[in-house]
N, C-alpha and C. Protein backbone atom coordinates (compact mmCIF):
# COMPACT_ATOMS: atom_id res chain seq x y z
N MET A 1 87.56 -66.88 159.30
CA MET A 1 86.15 -67.04 159.34
C MET A 1 85.32 -66.36 158.71
N THR A 2 84.56 -66.23 157.66
CA THR A 2 83.95 -65.97 156.35
C THR A 2 82.46 -65.24 157.08
N PRO A 3 82.83 -63.55 157.39
CA PRO A 3 81.54 -63.16 157.76
C PRO A 3 80.08 -63.50 156.97
N SER A 4 79.32 -63.33 157.55
CA SER A 4 77.46 -63.65 156.97
C SER A 4 77.40 -62.71 156.16
N THR A 5 76.85 -62.55 155.09
CA THR A 5 76.39 -62.02 153.94
C THR A 5 75.04 -62.05 154.20
N SER A 6 74.06 -62.18 155.09
CA SER A 6 72.62 -62.44 155.44
C SER A 6 72.45 -61.74 156.78
N SER A 7 70.89 -61.23 157.21
CA SER A 7 71.01 -60.86 158.14
C SER A 7 69.26 -60.97 158.22
N ALA A 8 68.75 -61.12 159.82
CA ALA A 8 67.42 -60.96 160.01
C ALA A 8 67.29 -59.72 160.38
N ILE A 9 66.35 -58.82 160.04
CA ILE A 9 66.04 -57.46 160.01
C ILE A 9 64.48 -57.31 160.24
N THR A 10 64.27 -56.01 161.01
CA THR A 10 62.95 -55.74 161.49
C THR A 10 62.50 -54.60 160.22
N LEU A 11 61.40 -54.16 159.58
CA LEU A 11 61.13 -53.25 159.21
C LEU A 11 59.64 -52.71 159.78
N ASN A 12 59.78 -51.17 159.40
CA ASN A 12 58.65 -50.72 160.21
C ASN A 12 57.50 -50.42 158.78
N ILE A 13 56.44 -51.43 158.22
CA ILE A 13 56.28 -50.51 156.97
C ILE A 13 54.43 -50.37 157.25
N ASN A 14 54.39 -49.31 156.89
CA ASN A 14 52.97 -48.99 157.08
C ASN A 14 52.36 -49.10 158.64
N GLY A 15 53.17 -48.69 159.40
CA GLY A 15 52.97 -49.16 161.19
C GLY A 15 52.74 -50.45 161.52
N GLU A 16 53.53 -51.09 160.57
CA GLU A 16 53.63 -52.91 161.35
C GLU A 16 54.86 -52.86 161.24
N LYS A 17 55.68 -54.23 161.58
CA LYS A 17 56.79 -54.33 161.73
C LYS A 17 56.69 -55.99 161.21
N TYR A 18 57.55 -55.88 160.82
CA TYR A 18 57.92 -56.86 159.69
C TYR A 18 59.44 -57.33 159.79
N THR A 19 60.00 -58.84 160.18
CA THR A 19 60.84 -59.12 160.59
C THR A 19 61.42 -60.59 159.55
N LEU A 20 62.53 -60.47 158.87
CA LEU A 20 62.66 -61.19 157.81
C LEU A 20 64.05 -61.25 157.65
N PRO A 21 65.18 -62.58 157.27
CA PRO A 21 65.93 -62.83 156.69
C PRO A 21 66.00 -62.31 155.54
N VAL A 22 67.47 -61.20 155.12
CA VAL A 22 68.27 -60.85 153.69
C VAL A 22 68.99 -60.89 153.47
N ASP A 23 69.37 -61.18 152.36
CA ASP A 23 71.12 -60.90 152.01
C ASP A 23 71.26 -59.39 152.09
N HIS A 24 72.24 -59.09 152.39
CA HIS A 24 72.51 -57.57 152.77
C HIS A 24 72.77 -56.66 151.33
N ARG A 25 72.38 -58.10 150.10
CA ARG A 25 72.47 -56.85 148.92
C ARG A 25 71.03 -56.70 148.59
N THR A 26 70.01 -56.64 149.07
CA THR A 26 69.06 -56.81 149.21
C THR A 26 68.03 -55.72 148.98
N THR A 27 68.01 -55.12 148.06
CA THR A 27 67.09 -54.02 148.13
C THR A 27 65.77 -53.69 148.80
N LEU A 28 65.35 -52.36 149.26
CA LEU A 28 63.74 -52.79 149.79
C LEU A 28 62.57 -52.74 148.87
N LEU A 29 62.97 -52.31 147.57
CA LEU A 29 61.76 -53.11 146.89
C LEU A 29 61.94 -54.41 146.65
N ASP A 30 63.07 -55.12 146.74
CA ASP A 30 62.94 -56.27 146.34
C ASP A 30 62.52 -57.17 147.97
N ALA A 31 62.65 -57.17 148.88
CA ALA A 31 62.67 -57.00 150.08
C ALA A 31 60.82 -56.79 150.16
N LEU A 32 60.20 -55.68 149.45
CA LEU A 32 58.61 -55.48 149.63
C LEU A 32 57.83 -56.34 149.03
N ARG A 33 58.39 -56.38 147.84
CA ARG A 33 57.60 -57.35 147.03
C ARG A 33 58.28 -58.85 147.08
N GLU A 34 59.49 -59.07 147.31
CA GLU A 34 59.69 -60.57 147.23
C GLU A 34 59.41 -61.47 148.21
N HIS A 35 60.02 -60.42 149.55
CA HIS A 35 60.14 -61.06 150.50
C HIS A 35 58.44 -60.75 151.21
N LEU A 36 57.72 -59.61 151.51
CA LEU A 36 56.47 -59.07 151.81
C LEU A 36 54.89 -59.19 150.96
N ASP A 37 55.55 -59.84 149.98
CA ASP A 37 54.17 -59.12 148.93
C ASP A 37 53.45 -58.11 149.17
N LEU A 38 54.25 -57.09 148.87
CA LEU A 38 54.09 -55.57 149.32
C LEU A 38 54.01 -55.74 147.88
N THR A 39 53.32 -55.51 146.61
CA THR A 39 53.52 -55.46 145.51
C THR A 39 53.22 -54.04 144.63
N GLY A 40 52.34 -53.38 145.44
CA GLY A 40 52.24 -52.31 145.08
C GLY A 40 53.27 -51.27 144.55
N SER A 41 54.92 -51.21 144.79
CA SER A 41 55.41 -50.14 144.58
C SER A 41 56.04 -51.05 143.42
N LYS A 42 56.62 -50.72 142.08
CA LYS A 42 56.30 -51.20 140.98
C LYS A 42 57.99 -51.29 141.04
N LYS A 43 58.82 -52.48 139.96
CA LYS A 43 60.23 -52.60 139.71
C LYS A 43 60.06 -52.16 138.23
N GLY A 44 60.65 -50.70 138.06
CA GLY A 44 60.49 -50.22 136.74
C GLY A 44 61.86 -50.15 136.13
N CYS A 45 62.92 -49.47 136.14
CA CYS A 45 64.12 -49.55 135.56
C CYS A 45 65.50 -49.78 136.41
N ASP A 46 64.94 -50.32 137.51
CA ASP A 46 65.66 -51.01 138.64
C ASP A 46 67.21 -50.24 138.95
N LEU A 47 67.44 -48.95 137.97
CA LEU A 47 68.27 -47.80 138.35
C LEU A 47 67.99 -46.90 139.06
N GLY A 48 66.85 -46.73 139.34
CA GLY A 48 66.53 -45.08 140.12
C GLY A 48 66.18 -43.69 139.19
N GLN A 49 65.95 -44.17 138.12
CA GLN A 49 65.55 -43.01 137.25
C GLN A 49 64.11 -43.03 137.02
N CYS A 50 63.39 -44.11 137.03
CA CYS A 50 61.80 -43.74 136.70
C CYS A 50 60.64 -43.10 137.63
N GLY A 51 61.36 -43.96 139.17
CA GLY A 51 60.20 -43.06 140.34
C GLY A 51 59.33 -44.21 140.09
N ALA A 52 58.74 -45.63 139.98
CA ALA A 52 57.83 -46.42 139.94
C ALA A 52 58.27 -46.70 140.74
N CYS A 53 59.02 -46.72 142.00
CA CYS A 53 59.36 -47.77 143.10
C CYS A 53 59.01 -46.71 144.47
N THR A 54 59.30 -45.34 143.83
CA THR A 54 59.34 -44.35 145.25
C THR A 54 57.92 -44.79 146.27
N VAL A 55 59.04 -44.98 147.10
CA VAL A 55 58.19 -45.09 148.76
C VAL A 55 58.41 -43.98 149.41
N LEU A 56 58.01 -43.59 150.53
CA LEU A 56 58.13 -42.70 151.79
C LEU A 56 59.24 -43.53 152.94
N LEU A 57 60.13 -42.75 153.35
CA LEU A 57 61.17 -43.03 154.43
C LEU A 57 60.92 -41.81 155.33
N ASP A 58 60.88 -42.06 156.47
CA ASP A 58 60.21 -41.05 157.20
C ASP A 58 59.55 -39.67 156.31
N GLY A 59 58.38 -40.67 156.06
CA GLY A 59 58.24 -38.88 155.20
C GLY A 59 58.61 -38.71 154.04
N ARG A 60 59.91 -38.75 153.82
CA ARG A 60 60.70 -38.42 152.49
C ARG A 60 60.56 -39.47 151.71
N ARG A 61 60.47 -39.06 150.45
CA ARG A 61 60.56 -40.22 148.84
C ARG A 61 61.81 -40.70 148.92
N ALA A 62 61.93 -42.07 148.77
CA ALA A 62 63.31 -42.65 147.74
C ALA A 62 62.78 -43.31 147.07
N VAL A 63 63.51 -43.64 146.36
CA VAL A 63 63.28 -44.84 145.08
C VAL A 63 63.98 -45.96 145.91
N SER A 64 63.08 -46.58 146.20
CA SER A 64 63.30 -48.16 147.22
C SER A 64 64.33 -49.31 146.38
N CYS A 65 64.33 -49.05 144.73
CA CYS A 65 65.92 -50.03 144.09
C CYS A 65 66.94 -49.81 144.04
N LEU A 66 66.74 -48.04 144.80
CA LEU A 66 68.11 -47.60 145.20
C LEU A 66 68.88 -47.79 146.55
N GLN A 67 67.89 -48.30 147.16
CA GLN A 67 67.86 -48.49 148.85
C GLN A 67 68.07 -49.60 149.49
N LEU A 68 69.14 -49.78 150.26
CA LEU A 68 69.05 -51.41 150.42
C LEU A 68 68.24 -51.58 151.97
N ALA A 69 67.87 -52.82 151.79
CA ALA A 69 66.66 -53.55 152.85
C ALA A 69 67.13 -53.05 154.35
N VAL A 70 68.61 -53.40 154.69
CA VAL A 70 69.28 -53.49 155.72
C VAL A 70 69.47 -51.86 156.06
N ALA A 71 69.41 -50.71 155.47
CA ALA A 71 69.42 -49.37 155.73
C ALA A 71 68.29 -48.89 155.92
N ALA A 72 67.56 -49.59 156.05
CA ALA A 72 65.78 -48.83 156.03
C ALA A 72 65.40 -49.53 157.30
N GLU A 73 66.58 -50.51 157.94
CA GLU A 73 65.86 -50.97 159.22
C GLU A 73 65.87 -49.62 160.66
N GLY A 74 64.45 -49.71 160.86
CA GLY A 74 64.93 -48.13 162.36
C GLY A 74 64.19 -47.39 161.37
N ARG A 75 63.37 -47.29 160.09
CA ARG A 75 62.98 -45.85 159.77
C ARG A 75 61.27 -46.54 158.95
N ALA A 76 60.58 -45.25 159.26
CA ALA A 76 59.38 -45.50 159.08
C ALA A 76 59.09 -46.08 157.23
N ILE A 77 58.48 -46.70 157.10
CA ILE A 77 58.47 -46.98 155.39
C ILE A 77 56.89 -46.83 155.42
N THR A 78 56.63 -46.01 154.18
CA THR A 78 55.16 -45.83 153.63
C THR A 78 54.99 -46.32 152.15
N THR A 79 54.47 -47.62 152.04
CA THR A 79 54.01 -47.80 150.45
C THR A 79 52.57 -47.49 150.33
N ILE A 80 52.40 -47.90 148.78
CA ILE A 80 51.24 -47.42 148.70
C ILE A 80 50.00 -47.60 149.50
N GLU A 81 50.33 -49.49 149.82
CA GLU A 81 49.63 -49.80 150.50
C GLU A 81 49.34 -49.11 151.76
N GLY A 82 49.66 -48.20 152.41
CA GLY A 82 50.18 -47.52 153.58
C GLY A 82 49.31 -46.15 153.79
N VAL A 83 49.40 -45.40 152.56
CA VAL A 83 48.45 -43.82 152.63
C VAL A 83 46.91 -43.87 152.79
N ALA A 84 46.19 -44.70 152.13
CA ALA A 84 45.14 -44.67 152.80
C ALA A 84 44.70 -44.94 154.08
N ASP A 85 43.56 -44.25 154.27
CA ASP A 85 42.94 -44.68 155.66
C ASP A 85 41.83 -45.40 156.15
N GLY A 86 42.35 -46.63 155.98
CA GLY A 86 41.05 -47.73 155.93
C GLY A 86 40.80 -47.24 154.44
N GLU A 87 39.29 -47.65 154.23
CA GLU A 87 38.30 -47.24 153.06
C GLU A 87 38.59 -46.41 151.88
N ARG A 88 38.92 -44.70 153.35
CA ARG A 88 39.24 -43.72 152.96
C ARG A 88 40.43 -43.33 151.95
N LEU A 89 40.53 -42.99 150.95
CA LEU A 89 41.45 -43.10 150.32
C LEU A 89 42.37 -41.50 150.29
N HIS A 90 43.46 -41.47 150.70
CA HIS A 90 44.34 -40.48 150.91
C HIS A 90 43.94 -39.24 149.71
N PRO A 91 43.63 -37.60 149.89
CA PRO A 91 43.19 -36.76 149.10
C PRO A 91 44.48 -37.11 147.69
N VAL A 92 45.55 -37.40 148.14
CA VAL A 92 46.22 -37.38 146.93
C VAL A 92 45.63 -38.76 145.52
N GLN A 93 45.42 -39.75 146.51
CA GLN A 93 44.70 -40.81 145.70
C GLN A 93 43.21 -40.91 145.08
N GLN A 94 42.24 -39.83 145.33
CA GLN A 94 41.62 -39.56 145.54
C GLN A 94 41.53 -38.20 144.10
N ALA A 95 42.25 -37.34 144.19
CA ALA A 95 42.19 -36.46 143.09
C ALA A 95 43.12 -37.64 141.97
N PHE A 96 43.72 -38.70 141.64
CA PHE A 96 44.17 -39.23 141.20
C PHE A 96 43.34 -39.74 140.36
N LEU A 97 42.34 -40.41 140.82
CA LEU A 97 40.85 -40.79 140.65
C LEU A 97 40.07 -39.81 139.78
N ASP A 98 39.74 -39.22 140.61
CA ASP A 98 39.15 -37.82 139.89
C ASP A 98 39.51 -37.17 138.37
N LEU A 99 40.74 -36.70 138.66
CA LEU A 99 41.49 -36.27 137.32
C LEU A 99 41.82 -37.59 136.42
N ASP A 100 41.70 -38.84 136.54
CA ASP A 100 42.49 -39.54 135.57
C ASP A 100 43.70 -39.24 135.47
N GLY A 101 44.51 -39.32 136.28
CA GLY A 101 46.08 -39.12 136.44
C GLY A 101 46.79 -40.34 136.66
N TYR A 102 46.22 -41.20 135.91
CA TYR A 102 46.92 -42.04 135.28
C TYR A 102 46.36 -42.79 134.19
N GLN A 103 46.78 -43.73 133.55
CA GLN A 103 46.55 -44.37 132.11
C GLN A 103 46.64 -45.96 132.67
N CYS A 104 48.11 -46.62 132.23
CA CYS A 104 48.29 -47.59 132.44
C CYS A 104 48.32 -47.91 134.09
N GLY A 105 48.52 -47.44 134.70
CA GLY A 105 48.38 -47.30 136.50
C GLY A 105 49.53 -48.02 136.74
N TYR A 106 50.96 -48.64 136.04
CA TYR A 106 51.98 -48.85 136.35
C TYR A 106 52.91 -47.96 137.47
N CYS A 107 52.81 -47.04 136.67
CA CYS A 107 53.85 -45.32 137.22
C CYS A 107 53.50 -45.01 138.40
N THR A 108 51.66 -45.06 138.81
CA THR A 108 50.94 -44.63 139.44
C THR A 108 51.08 -45.03 141.27
N PRO A 109 51.32 -45.97 141.48
CA PRO A 109 51.64 -45.92 143.22
C PRO A 109 53.30 -45.14 143.15
N GLY A 110 54.15 -45.21 142.46
CA GLY A 110 55.24 -44.13 142.65
C GLY A 110 54.96 -42.58 142.67
N GLN A 111 54.30 -42.57 141.97
CA GLN A 111 53.22 -40.96 141.85
C GLN A 111 52.91 -40.23 142.85
N ILE A 112 52.17 -41.14 143.42
CA ILE A 112 51.01 -40.91 144.24
C ILE A 112 51.91 -40.50 145.75
N CYS A 113 53.30 -41.55 145.81
CA CYS A 113 54.16 -41.69 147.24
C CYS A 113 54.60 -40.19 146.85
N SER A 114 55.33 -40.38 145.52
CA SER A 114 56.03 -38.98 145.23
C SER A 114 54.88 -37.49 145.60
N ALA A 115 53.97 -37.71 145.26
CA ALA A 115 52.96 -36.16 145.15
C ALA A 115 53.15 -36.04 146.65
N ILE A 116 52.67 -36.79 147.56
CA ILE A 116 52.51 -36.37 148.90
C ILE A 116 53.25 -35.81 149.28
N ALA A 117 54.70 -36.71 149.46
CA ALA A 117 56.13 -35.93 149.59
C ALA A 117 55.96 -34.24 149.32
N VAL A 118 55.57 -34.34 147.86
CA VAL A 118 55.61 -33.01 146.96
C VAL A 118 55.07 -31.79 147.58
N ILE A 119 53.71 -32.07 148.06
CA ILE A 119 52.74 -31.39 148.79
C ILE A 119 53.60 -30.87 150.16
N GLU A 120 54.14 -31.81 150.94
CA GLU A 120 54.85 -31.88 152.06
C GLU A 120 55.78 -30.78 152.11
N GLU A 121 57.03 -31.27 151.09
CA GLU A 121 57.98 -30.36 151.15
C GLU A 121 57.61 -28.86 150.69
N HIS A 122 56.77 -28.76 149.68
CA HIS A 122 56.51 -27.17 149.67
C HIS A 122 55.61 -26.65 150.34
N ALA A 123 54.94 -27.27 151.57
CA ALA A 123 54.14 -26.88 152.67
C ALA A 123 55.18 -26.30 153.27
N ALA A 124 56.57 -26.85 153.60
CA ALA A 124 57.53 -26.51 154.11
C ALA A 124 58.07 -25.69 154.03
N GLY A 125 58.16 -25.33 152.81
CA GLY A 125 59.02 -23.89 152.35
C GLY A 125 60.03 -24.68 151.67
N TRP A 126 60.23 -25.82 151.29
CA TRP A 126 61.41 -25.88 150.40
C TRP A 126 61.32 -25.74 148.99
N PRO A 127 62.00 -24.93 148.67
CA PRO A 127 62.00 -24.78 147.00
C PRO A 127 62.56 -26.02 146.06
N SER A 128 62.44 -25.40 144.85
CA SER A 128 62.50 -26.99 143.73
C SER A 128 63.47 -26.07 142.84
N ALA A 129 63.93 -26.29 141.80
CA ALA A 129 64.59 -25.72 140.73
C ALA A 129 64.04 -24.75 140.01
N ALA A 130 62.45 -24.89 140.33
CA ALA A 130 61.82 -23.97 139.02
C ALA A 130 60.69 -22.59 140.11
N THR A 131 61.59 -22.95 141.84
CA THR A 131 61.37 -21.68 142.63
C THR A 131 62.30 -20.31 141.99
N ASP A 132 61.15 -19.44 141.69
CA ASP A 132 61.78 -17.76 141.26
C ASP A 132 62.87 -17.25 142.26
N ASP A 133 62.39 -16.84 143.81
CA ASP A 133 62.88 -16.52 144.49
C ASP A 133 62.99 -17.21 145.80
N VAL A 134 64.25 -17.63 146.54
CA VAL A 134 64.59 -18.58 147.29
C VAL A 134 64.67 -17.84 148.70
N ARG A 135 64.77 -16.77 148.49
CA ARG A 135 64.88 -16.04 149.84
C ARG A 135 63.90 -16.39 151.08
N PRO A 136 64.22 -16.59 152.18
CA PRO A 136 63.04 -16.98 153.36
C PRO A 136 62.15 -15.62 153.29
N GLU A 137 62.47 -14.63 153.16
CA GLU A 137 61.71 -13.53 153.17
C GLU A 137 60.79 -13.58 152.15
N ALA A 138 60.87 -14.00 151.22
CA ALA A 138 59.93 -14.23 149.77
C ALA A 138 58.49 -15.34 150.11
N GLY A 139 58.71 -15.73 150.82
CA GLY A 139 57.77 -16.67 151.64
C GLY A 139 57.60 -17.89 150.37
N VAL A 140 56.87 -18.82 150.87
CA VAL A 140 56.47 -20.10 149.98
C VAL A 140 55.98 -19.87 148.95
N PRO A 141 56.74 -20.57 147.75
CA PRO A 141 55.83 -19.99 146.38
C PRO A 141 54.67 -20.46 146.22
N ALA A 142 53.77 -20.15 145.11
CA ALA A 142 52.73 -20.78 144.98
C ALA A 142 53.00 -22.10 144.00
N LEU A 143 52.24 -23.17 144.26
CA LEU A 143 52.35 -24.57 144.06
C LEU A 143 51.68 -24.41 142.48
N SER A 144 52.52 -23.76 141.50
CA SER A 144 52.00 -24.06 140.11
C SER A 144 52.03 -24.88 139.62
N ALA A 145 52.12 -24.74 138.26
CA ALA A 145 52.05 -25.99 137.38
C ALA A 145 53.33 -26.42 137.46
N GLU A 146 54.62 -25.36 136.54
CA GLU A 146 55.29 -25.33 136.76
C GLU A 146 56.22 -25.61 138.11
N GLU A 147 55.63 -25.67 139.08
CA GLU A 147 56.35 -26.32 140.41
C GLU A 147 56.21 -27.92 140.27
N ILE A 148 55.09 -28.03 140.01
CA ILE A 148 54.57 -29.25 140.32
C ILE A 148 55.66 -30.22 139.44
N ARG A 149 56.14 -29.86 138.34
CA ARG A 149 56.41 -30.67 137.06
C ARG A 149 57.64 -30.49 138.04
N GLU A 150 58.40 -29.48 138.03
CA GLU A 150 59.62 -29.68 138.31
C GLU A 150 59.45 -30.44 139.61
N ARG A 151 59.07 -30.32 140.56
CA ARG A 151 59.14 -31.43 141.77
C ARG A 151 58.64 -32.86 141.90
N MET A 152 58.30 -33.11 140.48
CA MET A 152 57.82 -34.19 140.50
C MET A 152 58.29 -34.95 139.26
N SER A 153 59.59 -34.25 138.57
CA SER A 153 60.24 -34.81 137.39
C SER A 153 61.25 -35.62 138.06
N GLY A 154 61.25 -36.77 138.70
CA GLY A 154 61.68 -37.90 138.88
C GLY A 154 61.17 -39.10 138.58
N ASN A 155 59.70 -38.21 138.44
CA ASN A 155 58.43 -39.58 138.19
C ASN A 155 58.24 -39.71 136.74
N LEU A 156 58.50 -40.54 136.05
CA LEU A 156 58.08 -40.77 134.55
C LEU A 156 57.29 -41.78 134.39
N CYS A 157 56.30 -40.95 133.83
CA CYS A 157 54.92 -41.78 132.98
C CYS A 157 54.83 -42.41 131.70
N ARG A 158 55.42 -43.23 131.34
CA ARG A 158 55.32 -43.64 129.62
C ARG A 158 54.22 -43.61 128.96
N CYS A 159 53.02 -43.79 129.65
CA CYS A 159 51.62 -43.51 128.93
C CYS A 159 51.01 -41.64 128.67
N GLY A 160 52.27 -40.89 129.58
CA GLY A 160 51.82 -39.64 129.02
C GLY A 160 50.48 -38.81 129.80
N ALA A 161 50.50 -39.18 130.67
CA ALA A 161 49.72 -38.66 131.39
C ALA A 161 50.16 -37.33 132.62
N TYR A 162 50.99 -36.79 132.03
CA TYR A 162 51.51 -35.74 132.86
C TYR A 162 50.45 -34.48 133.11
N VAL A 163 49.63 -34.41 132.33
CA VAL A 163 48.76 -32.98 132.51
C VAL A 163 47.86 -33.59 133.25
N SER A 164 47.25 -34.53 133.53
CA SER A 164 46.25 -35.19 134.31
C SER A 164 47.38 -34.90 135.76
N ILE A 165 48.42 -35.85 136.13
CA ILE A 165 48.83 -36.14 137.09
C ILE A 165 49.24 -34.78 137.59
N VAL A 166 49.70 -33.62 137.00
CA VAL A 166 49.68 -31.90 137.81
C VAL A 166 48.35 -31.42 138.13
N GLN A 167 47.33 -31.61 137.51
CA GLN A 167 45.95 -31.52 137.82
C GLN A 167 45.67 -32.38 139.28
N ALA A 168 45.88 -33.51 139.42
CA ALA A 168 45.69 -34.02 140.46
C ALA A 168 46.59 -33.60 141.51
N VAL A 169 47.85 -33.26 141.83
CA VAL A 169 48.48 -32.78 142.89
C VAL A 169 48.22 -31.43 143.01
N ALA A 170 47.97 -30.62 142.12
CA ALA A 170 47.08 -29.26 142.73
C ALA A 170 46.11 -29.53 143.21
N GLN A 171 45.11 -30.10 142.55
CA GLN A 171 43.27 -30.36 143.85
C GLN A 171 44.18 -31.14 144.87
N ALA A 172 44.82 -32.07 145.14
CA ALA A 172 44.94 -32.77 146.25
C ALA A 172 45.65 -31.77 147.28
N ALA A 173 46.42 -30.85 146.53
CA ALA A 173 47.21 -30.07 147.42
C ALA A 173 46.01 -28.42 148.34
N GLY A 174 45.37 -28.43 147.16
CA GLY A 174 44.07 -27.62 147.42
C GLY A 174 43.27 -28.60 148.86
N VAL A 175 42.67 -29.53 148.43
CA VAL A 175 42.31 -30.41 149.66
C VAL A 175 42.94 -30.32 150.74
N GLN A 176 43.94 -30.45 150.77
CA GLN A 176 44.85 -29.97 151.86
C GLN A 176 44.78 -28.45 152.50
N GLY A 177 44.46 -27.99 151.97
CA GLY A 177 44.43 -26.77 152.47
C GLY A 177 45.83 -25.74 151.80
N LYS A 178 46.58 -25.86 151.15
CA LYS A 178 47.61 -25.50 150.30
C LYS A 178 46.99 -24.66 149.20
N GLU A 179 47.78 -23.30 148.57
CA GLU A 179 47.27 -22.62 147.64
C GLU A 179 48.03 -23.54 146.34
N ALA A 180 47.28 -24.13 145.39
CA ALA A 180 46.94 -24.92 144.35
C ALA A 180 47.18 -24.21 143.25
N VAL A 181 47.44 -23.77 142.06
CA VAL A 181 47.43 -23.68 140.69
C VAL A 181 47.64 -24.25 139.58
N ALA A 182 46.77 -25.23 138.63
CA ALA A 182 47.49 -26.14 137.94
C ALA A 182 47.01 -25.30 136.41
C-alpha cells in the first residue's frame, strides 16, 4: 500500500482556524497564498534568503517559503493581514507609513513582520551579532541603528529603503516604550 502524500490540516492564522487539504510538500507560503488567498506574504527568492515571505510563528519570525504547512499545524501564525487591530495600524505599520519605510512595497509585509519580532526580541534582552556586551549584567543594549540593521539583515529591500526602514523600526520601538536610537 502506498502511503498518502497529502493530508487535511488545520492552521491557526491571524486568530482564525482554516482546514485545508495540502500535499505534504506544500510550503506555508504556498498554503497562505494559493490555498487561502492571503497574498500579503510575498514570494521573493523562494530560498529563504530575501525575507519577503516572513511571517510570525508563535510570535517568532520565520521565512514561510522554507516552512512546510504540515509543520505549522498547531502553531499560531500571524501574517501581515493580522498585525493591525481592525482599522488601527500596528505601530510598526504606522511607522513605515510615517517614515516612508517602503518604496515599491513588495518586501514591506515581510519587513514589518520581521520588525515586530525584532522589537520583541530586543525587549526580551536577546543579543544580536552587533551587541557589544552580551553579559546578563550589562542589561539590554540600546536599540541603535547598528542593532536594527543587524537584526533586520535577513530582510532585503531591492529598492534600497534601508535608511527609512531603520528609522521606522526605531520609531515603532519608541512608540512601544522601548529605547530607540536611529
